[in-house]
């Protein structure tokens, strides 16, 4: 499950980069926020299995 969160976070980063190139900065912020949240969930998920 943690790996899935990491992949989703990477996708959000790609979408953020595309949005930045288009000048859609509000969407960039939203996608980056989601990427951070997903990354944190991945870290916490891995920690739960230790």
C-alpha atoms as a PDB file:
ATOM      1  CA  UNK A   1       0.000   0.000   0.000  1.00  0.00           C
ATOM      2  CA  UNK A   2       2.842   2.394   0.802  1.00  0.00           C
ATOM      3  CA  UNK A   3       4.267   1.897  -2.678  1.00  0.00           C
ATOM      4  CA  UNK A   4       0.911   2.864  -4.150  1.00  0.00           C
ATOM      5  CA  UNK A   5       0.962   6.102  -2.180  1.00  0.00           C
ATOM      6  CA  UNK A   6       4.446   6.874  -3.446  1.00  0.00           C
ATOM      7  CA  UNK A   7       3.379   6.301  -7.045  1.00  0.00           C
ATOM      8  CA  UNK A   8       0.350   8.530  -6.574  1.00  0.00           C
ATOM      9  CA  UNK A   9       2.545  11.238  -5.056  1.00  0.00           C
ATOM     10  CA  UNK A  10       4.883  11.048  -8.050  1.00  0.00           C
ATOM     11  CA  UNK A  11       1.914  11.449 -10.389  1.00  0.00           C
ATOM     12  CA  UNK A  12       0.769  14.527  -8.472  1.00  0.00           C
ATOM     13  CA  UNK A  13       4.251  15.975  -8.973  1.00  0.00           C
ATOM     14  CA  UNK A  14       3.990  15.430 -12.722  1.00  0.00           C
ATOM     15  CA  UNK A  15       0.573  17.105 -12.824  1.00  0.00           C
ATOM     16  CA  UNK A  16       1.910  20.002 -10.787  1.00  0.00           C
ATOM     17  CA  UNK A  17       4.775  20.507 -13.234  1.00  0.00           C
ATOM     18  CA  UNK A  18       2.386  20.554 -16.182  1.00  0.00           C
ATOM     19  CA  UNK A  19       0.103  23.006 -14.414  1.00  0.00           C
ATOM     20  CA  UNK A  20       3.048  25.261 -13.593  1.00  0.00           C
ATOM     21  CA  UNK A  21       4.044  25.383 -17.247  1.00  0.00           C
ATOM     22  CA  UNK A  22       0.485  26.493 -18.047  1.00  0.00           C
ATOM     23  CA  UNK A  23       0.489  29.118 -15.290  1.00  0.00           C
ATOM     24  CA  UNK A  24      -2.242  27.413 -13.252  1.00  0.00           C
ATOM     25  CA  UNK A  25      -0.593  28.117  -9.913  1.00  0.00           C
ATOM     26  CA  UNK A  26      -3.568  27.337  -7.672  1.00  0.00           C
ATOM     27  CA  UNK A  27      -3.648  23.824  -9.138  1.00  0.00           C
ATOM     28  CA  UNK A  28       0.120  23.526  -8.645  1.00  0.00           C
ATOM     29  CA  UNK A  29      -0.293  24.242  -4.947  1.00  0.00           C
ATOM     30  CA  UNK A  30      -3.152  21.748  -4.633  1.00  0.00           C
ATOM     31  CA  UNK A  31      -1.236  18.984  -6.388  1.00  0.00           C
ATOM     32  CA  UNK A  32       1.862  19.616  -4.288  1.00  0.00           C
ATOM     33  CA  UNK A  33      -0.228  19.494  -1.124  1.00  0.00           C
ATOM     34  CA  UNK A  34      -1.685  16.157  -2.188  1.00  0.00           C
ATOM     35  CA  UNK A  35       1.802  14.848  -3.017  1.00  0.00           C
ATOM     36  CA  UNK A  36       3.011  15.736   0.468  1.00  0.00           C
ATOM     37  CA  UNK A  37      -0.024  14.106   2.070  1.00  0.00           C
ATOM     38  CA  UNK A  38       0.421  10.914   0.053  1.00  0.00           C
ATOM     39  CA  UNK A  39       4.122  10.806   0.847  1.00  0.00           C
ATOM     40  CA  UNK A  40       3.381  11.166   4.539  1.00  0.00           C
ATOM     41  CA  UNK A  41       0.798   8.381   4.363  1.00  0.00           C
ATOM     42  CA  UNK A  42       3.411   6.172   2.709  1.00  0.00           C
ATOM     43  CA  UNK A  43       5.921   6.914   5.471  1.00  0.00           C
ATOM     44  CA  UNK A  44       3.396   6.282   8.207  1.00  0.00           C
ATOM     45  CA  UNK A  45       2.255   3.101   6.495  1.00  0.00           C
ATOM     46  CA  UNK A  46       5.790   1.762   6.395  1.00  0.00           C
ATOM     47  CA  UNK A  47       6.328   2.724  10.019  1.00  0.00           C
ATOM     48  CA  UNK A  48       3.237   0.730  11.037  1.00  0.00           C
ATOM     49  CA  UNK A  49       4.839  -2.448   9.695  1.00  0.00           C
ATOM     50  CA  UNK A  50       8.021  -2.110  11.737  1.00  0.00           C
END
